[in-house]
Amino acid sequence: IWNTILEIALFSSLMSGGPPLLSIDDFDTRPPLNFDDEEIMIEKPTPKAEPSFTSMSVSLALRKMFPVRVAIAKRLNGLNDHSGYTETLRLDSELRASYKNACKNLQSTNDAGTSNLSQFHTRFLDFTLRRYLVALHAPYFSASHHETAYAFSRKVVVESSLKMWNCVFQGSPTVKPRECE
């Protein structure tokens, strides 16, 4: 339940434009254990090893990206954050590395043959990453039309927005697959 509360608090910060209500230092709760939903009601269940896919695997991947996502929300919505473009690039790099690691862990469950990783799971993670990238780089989008130093931000905003659209509308009857590629 605590993991869900963290996600809702972070989501509301990103969507409302207000600073996050929680920081990493505000709690010491460990991430949830790697159980399937059915196992929660069993007395003394044994969590599965990390490479095993369970109904918690995607939540655990998001939890690993939580610190950098909180830092992005604080950067965007904090009152006292006056850090520059280099901080944006650092957070971008950290988010991408965290996402790549999460995807690699989820892919290892696929390779081990223990995965029920669906297309929805991968799209959800990708959509979440892209939403944070767009939010992080959007403040520099307008300036990127006049200053080449911010060209990377323009590229990130445009590409991420298109990939988000593709995540949502891929397979839609109004969109032919060749148009999305």
Protein backbone atom coordinates (compact mmCIF):
# COMPACT_ATOMS: atom_id res chain seq x y z
CA ILE A 1 0.00 0.00 0.00
CA TRP A 2 2.85 2.39 0.84
CA ASN A 3 4.31 1.97 -2.63
CA THR A 4 0.97 3.01 -4.11
CA ILE A 5 0.81 6.04 -1.82
CA LEU A 6 4.28 7.09 -3.01
CA GLU A 7 3.25 6.76 -6.65
CA ILE A 8 0.04 8.75 -6.12
CA ALA A 9 1.91 11.52 -4.27
CA LEU A 10 4.49 11.75 -7.04
CA PHE A 11 1.86 11.63 -9.78
CA SER A 12 -0.17 14.40 -8.14
CA SER A 13 2.96 16.56 -7.86
CA LEU A 14 3.77 16.14 -11.53
CA MET A 15 0.20 16.76 -12.66
CA SER A 16 -0.60 19.68 -10.34
CA GLY A 17 2.67 21.54 -10.66
CA GLY A 18 3.14 21.56 -6.90
CA PRO A 19 6.20 20.33 -5.04
CA PRO A 20 6.19 16.66 -4.05
CA LEU A 21 4.63 16.05 -0.65
CA LEU A 22 7.27 13.40 0.11
CA SER A 23 11.00 13.17 -0.31
CA ILE A 24 13.29 10.18 -0.14
CA ASP A 25 14.39 11.26 3.34
CA ASP A 26 10.82 11.29 4.69
CA PHE A 27 10.50 7.51 4.94
CA ASP A 28 12.63 4.44 5.48
CA THR A 29 10.21 1.83 4.21
CA ARG A 30 11.73 -0.82 1.98
CA PRO A 31 10.22 -1.63 -1.41
CA PRO A 32 7.55 -4.33 -1.47
CA LEU A 33 8.63 -7.94 -1.72
CA ASN A 34 8.41 -9.82 -4.99
CA PHE A 35 5.12 -11.72 -4.55
CA ASP A 36 2.29 -12.63 -6.85
CA ASP A 37 -1.08 -11.29 -5.71
CA GLU A 38 -2.34 -14.74 -4.73
CA GLU A 39 0.59 -15.28 -2.38
CA ILE A 40 -0.19 -12.28 -0.17
CA MET A 41 -2.88 -14.18 1.73
CA ILE A 42 -0.69 -17.23 2.38
CA GLU A 43 0.79 -17.47 5.86
CA LYS A 44 4.57 -16.86 5.76
CA PRO A 45 4.96 -16.61 1.98
CA THR A 46 8.43 -16.70 0.46
CA PRO A 47 9.22 -13.87 -1.95
CA LYS A 48 10.52 -14.85 -5.35
CA ALA A 49 14.05 -14.00 -6.41
CA GLU A 50 14.57 -10.77 -8.38
CA PRO A 51 14.71 -12.31 -11.86
CA SER A 52 11.31 -13.96 -11.36
CA PHE A 53 8.39 -12.02 -12.80
CA THR A 54 5.44 -11.45 -10.48
CA SER A 55 2.54 -9.04 -10.33
CA MET A 56 4.89 -6.73 -8.34
CA SER A 57 7.70 -6.65 -10.91
CA VAL A 58 6.55 -3.48 -12.68
CA SER A 59 5.90 -1.74 -9.35
CA LEU A 60 9.38 -2.72 -8.19
CA ALA A 61 10.86 -1.32 -11.42
CA LEU A 62 9.04 1.96 -10.82
CA ARG A 63 10.21 2.00 -7.20
CA LYS A 64 13.83 1.75 -8.37
CA MET A 65 13.24 4.82 -10.57
CA PHE A 66 11.45 6.65 -7.74
CA PRO A 67 14.41 8.68 -6.41
CA VAL A 68 15.21 10.23 -9.77
CA ARG A 69 11.53 10.85 -10.52
CA VAL A 70 11.16 12.66 -7.17
CA ALA A 71 14.25 14.73 -8.00
CA ILE A 72 12.69 15.69 -11.35
CA ALA A 73 9.42 16.69 -9.70
CA LYS A 74 11.31 18.77 -7.12
CA ARG A 75 13.36 20.37 -9.89
CA LEU A 76 10.29 21.29 -11.88
CA ASN A 77 7.91 22.25 -9.07
CA GLY A 78 10.17 23.27 -6.21
CA LEU A 79 10.18 26.86 -5.03
CA ASN A 80 13.91 27.23 -4.50
CA ASP A 81 15.36 25.28 -7.40
CA HIS A 82 17.33 27.60 -9.63
CA SER A 83 19.70 25.01 -11.03
CA GLY A 84 20.60 25.31 -14.66
CA TYR A 85 20.45 23.28 -17.80
CA THR A 86 23.33 21.05 -16.71
CA GLU A 87 21.14 19.76 -13.86
CA THR A 88 18.41 18.96 -16.40
CA LEU A 89 20.90 16.99 -18.47
CA ARG A 90 22.18 15.17 -15.38
CA LEU A 91 18.64 14.19 -14.32
CA ASP A 92 17.89 13.10 -17.89
CA SER A 93 20.95 10.87 -17.90
CA GLU A 94 20.13 9.43 -14.47
CA LEU A 95 16.51 8.71 -15.46
CA ARG A 96 17.54 6.99 -18.67
CA ALA A 97 20.12 4.85 -16.86
CA SER A 98 17.57 3.89 -14.22
CA TYR A 99 15.01 3.02 -16.90
CA LYS A 100 17.54 0.98 -18.87
CA ASN A 101 18.43 -0.98 -15.74
CA ALA A 102 14.74 -1.61 -14.96
CA CYS A 103 14.11 -2.82 -18.51
CA LYS A 104 17.16 -5.08 -18.35
CA ASN A 105 15.86 -6.62 -15.11
CA LEU A 106 12.41 -7.17 -16.60
CA GLN A 107 13.94 -8.60 -19.78
CA SER A 108 15.94 -11.07 -17.68
CA THR A 109 12.63 -12.46 -16.38
CA ASN A 110 11.59 -12.92 -20.00
CA ASP A 111 14.86 -14.68 -20.84
CA ALA A 112 14.53 -16.95 -17.80
CA GLY A 113 11.12 -18.05 -19.07
CA THR A 114 9.40 -16.94 -15.88
CA SER A 115 7.79 -13.85 -17.35
CA ASN A 116 4.24 -12.88 -18.03
CA LEU A 117 5.52 -9.46 -19.08
CA SER A 118 2.86 -8.13 -21.40
CA GLN A 119 2.93 -5.40 -23.98
CA PHE A 120 0.87 -3.32 -21.57
CA HIS A 121 3.64 -3.55 -18.93
CA THR A 122 6.34 -2.41 -21.33
CA ARG A 123 4.17 0.38 -22.74
CA PHE A 124 3.26 1.57 -19.26
CA LEU A 125 6.91 1.81 -18.20
CA ASP A 126 7.86 3.49 -21.45
CA PHE A 127 4.98 5.97 -21.18
CA THR A 128 5.94 6.81 -17.59
CA LEU A 129 9.58 7.43 -18.56
CA ARG A 130 8.60 9.59 -21.51
CA ARG A 131 6.22 11.67 -19.40
CA TYR A 132 9.05 12.59 -17.06
CA LEU A 133 11.40 13.33 -19.97
CA VAL A 134 8.87 15.67 -21.58
CA ALA A 135 8.23 17.43 -18.27
CA LEU A 136 11.96 17.78 -17.62
CA HIS A 137 12.81 19.23 -21.04
CA ALA A 138 9.64 21.24 -21.77
CA PRO A 139 10.89 24.42 -20.04
CA TYR A 140 13.69 24.62 -22.64
CA PHE A 141 11.56 23.78 -25.67
CA SER A 142 10.71 27.38 -26.58
CA ALA A 143 14.28 28.55 -26.08
CA SER A 144 15.50 25.73 -28.31
CA HIS A 145 14.07 27.53 -31.34
CA HIS A 146 16.50 30.40 -30.80
CA GLU A 147 19.46 28.85 -28.98
CA THR A 148 21.22 25.76 -30.25
CA ALA A 149 22.39 24.89 -26.73
CA TYR A 150 18.87 23.60 -26.05
CA ALA A 151 18.48 21.59 -29.27
CA PHE A 152 18.72 18.35 -27.30
CA SER A 153 15.68 19.35 -25.25
CA ARG A 154 13.67 20.03 -28.40
CA LYS A 155 14.64 16.62 -29.76
CA VAL A 156 13.70 14.90 -26.47
CA VAL A 157 10.32 16.67 -26.24
CA VAL A 158 9.35 15.91 -29.84
CA GLU A 159 10.56 12.29 -29.86
CA SER A 160 9.13 11.50 -26.43
CA SER A 161 5.78 13.05 -27.30
CA LEU A 162 5.56 11.00 -30.48
CA LYS A 163 6.54 7.82 -28.64
CA MET A 164 3.92 8.52 -25.96
CA TRP A 165 1.31 8.99 -28.66
CA ASN A 166 2.44 5.73 -30.24
CA CYS A 167 2.19 3.92 -26.89
CA VAL A 168 -1.39 5.05 -26.46
CA PHE A 169 -2.70 4.74 -30.00
CA GLN A 170 -0.72 1.80 -31.36
CA GLY A 171 -3.16 -0.77 -32.63
CA SER A 172 -6.01 1.75 -32.84
CA PRO A 173 -8.45 1.02 -35.67
CA THR A 174 -8.06 4.60 -36.92
CA VAL A 175 -4.26 4.30 -37.21
CA LYS A 176 -2.70 1.96 -39.68
CA PRO A 177 0.42 0.20 -38.34
CA ARG A 178 2.66 1.53 -41.12
CA GLU A 179 1.79 5.11 -40.15
CA CYS A 180 3.14 4.52 -36.62
CA GLU A 181 6.52 3.12 -37.62
